Amino acid sequence: MTELSLSDSKIKSKAFMGQMISIINGGALSLMISIGHKTGLFDIMDGSPPATSDEISKSAKLDERYVREWLSALSCGGILEHDSTAETFFLPPEHAGLLTRRSGPLNLAIPLQMIPLLGEVEEDIVDVFKNGGGVPYDRYPRFQELMAETSNNRFERTLLQQIVPILPVQDELSIGIDVADVGCGSGRALCILGAAFPNSRFVGFDMSIKGIEAAQAEAASLPNVTFEVADASALNQHERFDLVTTFDAIHDQAQPEQVLAGIYEMLKPGGSYLCVEPKASSVLAENLAEPMAPYMYTISTMHCMTVSLAYGGEGLGTAWGHQTATQYISRAGFENIEITGVKDDRSNSYFISRRAK
């Protein structure tokens, strides 16, 4: 190596060391931020003046020693501001807007909970790296709960205000139509729609018994909303619905094309399909500059792809991308596929299509 190339190598090595230290600190802070969300500490500090660890812990009804260590970690990470003279801690309003429950779908503390959750299956993932196969859904007992919180935040802010207006059937919802949500989870989307459009009828399908039980409990006062335990690949519904929706439910299916074909069969001629999937390109090079791409591929490796492979599936992965998604939707028979989005859901693409009349 020349003297210049040695110097360049040292600069590159030093820069990479800085990057690695940042990753280590970021990984540690992700745990602290997740705890801050779960304990309500960010919400307690939101809009409050600078306070001591004792004052904050009393307001939150939490153990002071743990709160003090948590405050120290987030102060060192630049999440909180610390006054060493007064020994107080402060959550800046600019940070609170991305960390508190009032932030809705902009609350970044919610997706950060995925990091400790996925850490629980790290050894399983290492095993399938060596031996192939996948990690089944039942190895993620908290996943349904986290996804419910994530989607509920999105639905509360966007469903009626931003998603319904882009649907071809928005006017018919008030008159009365039949709607299905495949992979409905805990059913929040249909409960919101059912309350807003009492003349329409809504049915949710999901393979999770726990999710359907939660959905049925929430829909107890809504006579136009029902839920059924069902495998998305074997729905066997024939020309029953005017609109079918799926929210982040296709890419991790074992047989996505079979599911899409079933959805096509569910629709009445001329019926509409809304398919919401992670916003990505099918070409890796086009995702390299995306700020959340490393997170997306990590989620794919440790959940979406491996769950599909566990059941002998395709393992499309989270970043299957709009090109592949469009091909799959088209092969199922859908026409006039439009790709759009909504303002307060920056992480997803919205595919709107129709069954032929």
Protein backbone atom coordinates (compact mmCIF):
# COMPACT_ATOMS: atom_id res chain seq x y z
CA MET A 1 0.00 0.00 0.00
CA THR A 2 1.15 3.56 -0.69
CA GLU A 3 1.26 6.15 2.11
CA LEU A 4 -1.89 7.77 0.67
CA SER A 5 -3.82 4.51 0.53
CA LEU A 6 -2.77 3.68 4.12
CA SER A 7 -4.08 7.07 5.21
CA ASP A 8 -7.36 6.50 3.34
CA SER A 9 -7.67 3.08 4.94
CA LYS A 10 -7.21 4.54 8.42
CA ILE A 11 -9.84 7.20 7.74
CA LYS A 12 -12.26 4.57 6.46
CA SER A 13 -11.56 2.31 9.46
CA LYS A 14 -12.06 5.19 11.90
CA ALA A 15 -15.33 6.18 10.21
CA PHE A 16 -16.56 2.59 10.39
CA MET A 17 -15.66 2.40 14.06
CA GLY A 18 -17.78 5.47 14.64
CA GLN A 19 -20.62 3.84 12.71
CA MET A 20 -20.36 0.66 14.78
CA ILE A 21 -20.35 2.59 18.06
CA SER A 22 -23.43 4.45 16.85
CA ILE A 23 -25.11 1.10 16.09
CA ILE A 24 -24.24 -0.28 19.53
CA ASN A 25 -25.61 2.81 21.24
CA GLY A 26 -28.66 2.82 18.99
CA GLY A 27 -29.40 -0.80 19.83
CA ALA A 28 -29.12 -0.06 23.54
CA LEU A 29 -31.30 3.04 23.26
CA SER A 30 -33.94 1.10 21.36
CA LEU A 31 -34.49 -0.97 24.51
CA MET A 32 -34.67 2.15 26.68
CA ILE A 33 -37.11 3.84 24.31
CA SER A 34 -39.30 0.73 24.21
CA ILE A 35 -39.37 0.70 28.03
CA GLY A 36 -40.17 4.41 28.07
CA HIS A 37 -43.19 3.76 25.87
CA LYS A 38 -44.44 0.74 27.80
CA THR A 39 -44.10 2.42 31.21
CA GLY A 40 -45.67 5.67 29.99
CA LEU A 41 -42.61 7.72 30.96
CA PHE A 42 -42.57 9.69 27.71
CA ASP A 43 -46.23 10.57 28.14
CA ILE A 44 -45.64 11.67 31.74
CA MET A 45 -42.78 13.95 30.67
CA ASP A 46 -44.62 15.30 27.62
CA GLY A 47 -45.30 19.01 28.14
CA SER A 48 -43.90 18.97 31.69
CA PRO A 49 -41.17 21.34 32.92
CA PRO A 50 -37.71 20.01 33.81
CA ALA A 51 -37.98 17.64 36.78
CA THR A 52 -35.80 15.45 38.98
CA SER A 53 -35.79 11.67 38.79
CA ASP A 54 -37.69 11.58 42.08
CA GLU A 55 -40.42 13.87 40.75
CA ILE A 56 -40.73 11.97 37.48
CA SER A 57 -40.85 8.57 39.16
CA LYS A 58 -43.56 9.75 41.57
CA SER A 59 -45.65 11.14 38.71
CA ALA A 60 -45.27 7.86 36.82
CA LYS A 61 -45.72 5.72 39.98
CA LEU A 62 -42.49 3.86 39.16
CA ASP A 63 -39.36 2.87 41.08
CA GLU A 64 -37.02 5.89 41.30
CA ARG A 65 -33.77 3.96 40.96
CA TYR A 66 -34.83 2.42 37.67
CA VAL A 67 -36.24 5.70 36.41
CA ARG A 68 -32.98 7.49 37.25
CA GLU A 69 -30.90 4.99 35.28
CA TRP A 70 -33.34 5.21 32.36
CA LEU A 71 -33.16 9.02 32.41
CA SER A 72 -29.36 8.82 32.43
CA ALA A 73 -29.24 6.52 29.40
CA LEU A 74 -31.58 8.73 27.36
CA SER A 75 -29.74 11.89 28.38
CA CYS A 76 -26.43 10.40 27.17
CA GLY A 77 -28.21 9.42 23.95
CA GLY A 78 -29.51 12.92 23.29
CA ILE A 79 -33.15 11.93 23.69
CA LEU A 80 -33.59 13.95 26.90
CA GLU A 81 -31.94 17.17 28.09
CA HIS A 82 -30.16 17.14 31.47
CA ASP A 83 -29.36 20.11 33.71
CA SER A 84 -26.46 18.92 35.87
CA THR A 85 -26.75 21.86 38.26
CA ALA A 86 -30.44 21.38 39.04
CA GLU A 87 -30.24 17.62 38.44
CA THR A 88 -33.36 17.78 36.25
CA PHE A 89 -34.41 16.07 33.05
CA PHE A 90 -36.53 17.47 30.21
CA LEU A 91 -38.21 15.97 27.14
CA PRO A 92 -38.02 18.59 24.34
CA PRO A 93 -41.35 19.11 22.54
CA GLU A 94 -39.66 18.34 19.21
CA HIS A 95 -38.76 14.89 20.55
CA ALA A 96 -42.08 14.36 22.30
CA GLY A 97 -43.84 14.68 18.94
CA LEU A 98 -42.14 11.44 17.85
CA LEU A 99 -42.17 9.49 21.13
CA THR A 100 -45.55 9.94 22.81
CA ARG A 101 -48.94 8.35 22.33
CA ARG A 102 -50.44 11.62 21.14
CA SER A 103 -48.14 11.32 18.11
CA GLY A 104 -50.34 8.59 16.61
CA PRO A 105 -48.68 6.86 13.64
CA LEU A 106 -45.68 9.20 13.95
CA ASN A 107 -44.74 7.63 17.31
CA LEU A 108 -41.39 5.96 16.58
CA ALA A 109 -41.27 4.34 20.01
CA ILE A 110 -43.85 1.81 18.83
CA PRO A 111 -41.81 0.20 16.00
CA LEU A 112 -38.75 0.25 18.27
CA GLN A 113 -40.55 -2.32 20.45
CA MET A 114 -39.95 -4.74 17.58
CA ILE A 115 -36.22 -4.89 18.40
CA PRO A 116 -36.53 -6.56 21.84
CA LEU A 117 -39.42 -8.70 20.56
CA LEU A 118 -37.34 -10.09 17.71
CA GLY A 119 -34.40 -10.58 20.03
CA GLU A 120 -36.45 -13.34 21.67
CA VAL A 121 -36.14 -15.51 18.54
CA GLU A 122 -32.51 -14.75 17.69
CA GLU A 123 -31.34 -18.29 18.48
CA ASP A 124 -34.17 -19.73 16.37
CA ILE A 125 -33.10 -17.51 13.47
CA VAL A 126 -29.45 -18.58 13.83
CA ASP A 127 -30.62 -22.20 13.66
CA VAL A 128 -32.56 -21.73 10.42
CA PHE A 129 -29.58 -19.89 8.91
CA LYS A 130 -27.69 -23.14 9.41
CA ASN A 131 -30.41 -25.65 8.65
CA GLY A 132 -32.96 -23.86 6.50
CA GLY A 133 -36.70 -23.77 7.11
CA GLY A 134 -38.35 -21.06 9.18
CA VAL A 135 -39.57 -19.92 12.57
CA PRO A 136 -43.33 -20.51 13.04
CA TYR A 137 -45.82 -17.87 14.08
CA ASP A 138 -46.35 -19.31 17.56
CA ARG A 139 -42.76 -18.40 18.49
CA TYR A 140 -43.87 -14.75 18.49
CA PRO A 141 -46.51 -14.63 21.27
CA ARG A 142 -46.32 -10.83 21.61
CA PHE A 143 -46.31 -10.05 17.90
CA GLN A 144 -50.10 -9.84 17.56
CA GLU A 145 -50.29 -7.35 20.43
CA LEU A 146 -47.57 -5.12 18.98
CA MET A 147 -49.05 -5.19 15.48
CA ALA A 148 -52.44 -4.28 16.95
CA GLU A 149 -50.93 -1.21 18.62
CA THR A 150 -49.11 -0.24 15.44
CA SER A 151 -52.11 -0.63 13.14
CA ASN A 152 -54.56 0.91 15.61
CA ASN A 153 -52.47 4.08 15.72
CA ARG A 154 -52.53 4.21 11.94
CA PHE A 155 -56.23 3.46 11.61
CA GLU A 156 -57.28 6.07 14.18
CA ARG A 157 -55.46 8.79 12.26
CA THR A 158 -55.90 7.71 8.66
CA LEU A 159 -58.73 5.23 8.03
CA LEU A 160 -61.75 7.52 7.78
CA GLN A 161 -59.87 10.72 7.01
CA GLN A 162 -57.40 9.53 4.37
CA ILE A 163 -57.95 5.89 3.32
CA VAL A 164 -61.72 5.84 2.74
CA PRO A 165 -61.52 8.88 0.40
CA ILE A 166 -59.20 7.01 -2.00
CA LEU A 167 -61.51 3.98 -2.25
CA PRO A 168 -63.61 3.57 -5.42
CA VAL A 169 -66.57 2.59 -3.20
CA GLN A 170 -66.41 5.47 -0.72
CA ASP A 171 -69.89 6.71 -1.65
CA GLU A 172 -71.41 3.22 -1.57
CA LEU A 173 -70.24 2.65 2.01
CA SER A 174 -72.91 5.05 3.27
CA ILE A 175 -75.61 3.39 1.18
CA GLY A 176 -74.68 -0.15 2.22
CA ILE A 177 -72.22 -2.69 0.81
CA ASP A 178 -70.43 -5.87 1.93
CA VAL A 179 -66.80 -5.49 3.04
CA ALA A 180 -64.20 -8.06 4.13
CA ASP A 181 -60.80 -7.57 5.77
CA VAL A 182 -58.47 -10.55 5.28
CA GLY A 183 -55.85 -10.88 8.00
CA CYS A 184 -57.86 -8.54 10.21
CA GLY A 185 -55.86 -9.10 13.39
CA SER A 186 -57.68 -7.60 16.37
CA GLY A 187 -60.25 -6.04 14.04
CA ARG A 188 -59.80 -2.35 14.80
CA ALA A 189 -60.13 -1.27 11.16
CA LEU A 190 -63.51 -2.93 10.70
CA CYS A 191 -64.80 -1.64 14.04
CA ILE A 192 -63.98 1.92 12.99
CA LEU A 193 -65.64 1.37 9.60
CA GLY A 194 -68.63 -0.41 11.12
CA ALA A 195 -69.34 2.48 13.48
CA ALA A 196 -68.94 5.06 10.72
CA PHE A 197 -71.04 3.21 8.10
CA PRO A 198 -73.93 1.42 9.87
CA ASN A 199 -75.66 0.55 6.59
CA SER A 200 -72.73 -1.56 5.37
CA ARG A 201 -71.78 -5.03 6.57
CA PHE A 202 -68.25 -5.97 7.59
CA VAL A 203 -66.57 -9.37 8.05
CA GLY A 204 -63.03 -9.93 9.31
CA PHE A 205 -61.00 -13.11 8.70
CA ASP A 206 -57.83 -14.11 10.57
CA MET A 207 -56.14 -17.37 11.58
CA SER A 208 -55.27 -16.04 15.05
CA ILE A 209 -57.85 -17.25 17.58
CA LYS A 210 -56.55 -14.72 20.11
CA GLY A 211 -56.87 -11.90 17.58
CA ILE A 212 -60.41 -12.88 16.59
CA GLU A 213 -61.47 -13.13 20.23
CA ALA A 214 -60.20 -9.59 20.84
CA ALA A 215 -61.95 -8.38 17.68
CA GLN A 216 -65.26 -9.97 18.67
CA ALA A 217 -65.10 -8.34 22.09
CA GLU A 218 -64.49 -4.90 20.58
CA ALA A 219 -67.31 -5.37 18.04
CA ALA A 220 -69.86 -6.51 20.64
CA SER A 221 -71.94 -3.33 20.21
CA LEU A 222 -71.69 -3.29 16.41
CA PRO A 223 -74.32 -5.58 14.84
CA ASN A 224 -72.95 -4.98 11.33
CA VAL A 225 -69.42 -6.24 12.18
CA THR A 226 -68.52 -9.93 12.55
CA PHE A 227 -65.31 -11.94 12.68
CA GLU A 228 -64.34 -15.49 11.72
CA VAL A 229 -61.29 -17.63 12.36
CA ALA A 230 -60.06 -18.64 8.91
CA ASP A 231 -56.90 -19.38 6.97
CA ALA A 232 -56.40 -16.67 4.37
CA SER A 233 -55.44 -19.29 1.78
CA ALA A 234 -58.71 -21.22 2.18
CA LEU A 235 -61.52 -18.70 2.58
CA ASN A 236 -63.88 -20.29 0.04
CA GLN A 237 -66.08 -17.22 -0.35
CA HIS A 238 -67.77 -16.81 -3.74
CA GLU A 239 -68.66 -13.36 -5.09
CA ARG A 240 -69.81 -12.22 -1.65
CA PHE A 241 -68.13 -8.83 -1.18
CA ASP A 242 -68.06 -5.41 -2.84
CA LEU A 243 -64.75 -4.47 -1.21
CA VAL A 244 -61.92 -6.57 0.25
CA THR A 245 -58.99 -5.08 2.16
CA THR A 246 -55.67 -6.46 3.36
CA PHE A 247 -53.34 -4.43 5.57
CA ASP A 248 -49.73 -5.72 5.56
CA ALA A 249 -51.10 -9.24 5.23
CA ILE A 250 -49.92 -10.62 1.87
CA HIS A 251 -46.11 -10.59 1.91
CA ASP A 252 -45.76 -12.98 4.86
CA GLN A 253 -48.32 -15.51 3.62
CA ALA A 254 -47.07 -19.01 2.85
CA GLN A 255 -49.07 -19.03 -0.42
CA PRO A 256 -49.58 -15.38 -1.40
CA GLU A 257 -50.79 -16.11 -4.92
CA GLN A 258 -53.37 -18.55 -3.58
CA VAL A 259 -54.55 -15.92 -1.11
CA LEU A 260 -54.84 -13.28 -3.83
CA ALA A 261 -56.76 -15.69 -6.05
CA GLY A 262 -59.12 -16.35 -3.15
CA ILE A 263 -59.62 -12.63 -2.62
CA TYR A 264 -60.44 -12.22 -6.30
CA GLU A 265 -63.01 -15.00 -5.96
CA MET A 266 -64.51 -13.31 -2.89
CA LEU A 267 -65.34 -10.17 -4.81
CA LYS A 268 -68.48 -9.58 -6.77
CA PRO A 269 -67.86 -8.70 -10.44
CA GLY A 270 -66.60 -5.12 -10.52
CA GLY A 271 -65.69 -5.25 -6.82
CA SER A 272 -62.68 -3.38 -5.44
CA TYR A 273 -59.56 -4.60 -3.64
CA LEU A 274 -57.34 -2.46 -1.39
CA CYS A 275 -53.96 -4.09 -0.74
CA VAL A 276 -51.69 -2.22 1.69
CA GLU A 277 -48.09 -3.41 1.73
CA PRO A 278 -44.70 -2.10 2.93
CA LYS A 279 -43.38 0.68 0.69
CA ALA A 280 -40.32 -0.69 -1.10
CA SER A 281 -38.80 -1.54 -4.44
CA SER A 282 -38.28 -5.14 -5.54
CA VAL A 283 -34.74 -4.06 -6.54
CA LEU A 284 -32.26 -3.89 -3.64
CA ALA A 285 -30.24 -1.08 -5.25
CA GLU A 286 -33.33 1.14 -5.21
CA ASN A 287 -33.77 0.60 -1.46
CA LEU A 288 -30.18 1.33 -0.39
CA ALA A 289 -30.80 5.03 0.20
CA GLU A 290 -34.09 4.53 2.04
CA PRO A 291 -33.69 5.65 5.70
CA MET A 292 -35.63 2.69 7.13
CA ALA A 293 -34.34 0.00 4.74
CA PRO A 294 -32.03 -1.74 7.27
CA TYR A 295 -34.94 -1.98 9.71
CA MET A 296 -37.23 -3.32 6.98
CA TYR A 297 -34.84 -6.10 5.90
CA THR A 298 -34.21 -7.00 9.55
CA ILE A 299 -37.94 -7.37 10.23
CA SER A 300 -38.13 -9.48 7.08
CA THR A 301 -35.29 -11.79 8.13
CA MET A 302 -36.51 -12.24 11.67
CA HIS A 303 -40.26 -12.42 11.11
CA CYS A 304 -42.04 -11.96 7.77
CA MET A 305 -39.80 -14.09 5.56
CA THR A 306 -39.07 -16.79 8.11
CA VAL A 307 -42.72 -17.24 9.16
CA SER A 308 -43.66 -17.85 5.54
CA LEU A 309 -40.80 -20.33 5.10
CA ALA A 310 -41.83 -22.14 8.29
CA TYR A 311 -45.01 -23.25 6.56
CA GLY A 312 -43.33 -24.22 3.29
CA GLY A 313 -44.10 -20.82 1.78
CA GLU A 314 -42.41 -18.56 -0.74
CA GLY A 315 -40.71 -16.34 1.83
CA LEU A 316 -41.35 -13.17 -0.15
CA GLY A 317 -40.14 -10.97 2.69
CA THR A 318 -41.12 -7.50 3.82
CA ALA A 319 -39.34 -5.81 0.93
CA TRP A 320 -41.00 -7.78 -1.87
CA GLY A 321 -41.61 -4.38 -3.45
CA HIS A 322 -44.18 -2.67 -5.61
CA GLN A 323 -43.01 -4.35 -8.83
CA THR A 324 -43.51 -7.89 -7.52
CA ALA A 325 -46.69 -6.95 -5.69
CA THR A 326 -48.15 -5.52 -8.89
CA GLN A 327 -47.26 -8.71 -10.79
CA TYR A 328 -48.92 -10.91 -8.16
CA ILE A 329 -52.07 -8.80 -8.00
CA SER A 330 -52.29 -8.74 -11.78
CA ARG A 331 -51.79 -12.53 -12.07
CA ALA A 332 -54.70 -13.02 -9.68
CA GLY A 333 -56.90 -11.36 -12.31
CA PHE A 334 -57.19 -7.82 -10.99
CA GLU A 335 -57.38 -4.91 -13.40
CA ASN A 336 -56.59 -1.16 -13.37
CA ILE A 337 -54.02 -1.42 -10.57
CA GLU A 338 -53.25 1.99 -9.07
CA ILE A 339 -50.44 2.55 -6.57
CA THR A 340 -50.98 5.45 -4.21
CA GLY A 341 -50.41 6.44 -0.59
CA VAL A 342 -51.78 8.46 2.30
CA LYS A 343 -50.13 11.37 4.07
CA ASP A 344 -49.83 9.94 7.57
CA ASP A 345 -48.69 6.46 6.55
CA ARG A 346 -45.30 6.94 4.97
CA SER A 347 -44.19 3.33 5.32
CA ASN A 348 -46.84 1.68 3.10
CA SER A 349 -47.98 1.61 -0.51
CA TYR A 350 -51.70 1.38 -1.28
CA PHE A 351 -52.62 -0.81 -4.26
CA ILE A 352 -56.18 -0.27 -5.50
CA SER A 353 -57.60 -2.60 -8.15
CA ARG A 354 -60.84 -4.14 -9.37
CA ARG A 355 -62.24 -7.50 -10.34
CA ALA A 356 -63.48 -7.50 -13.92
CA LYS A 357 -67.21 -6.93 -14.34
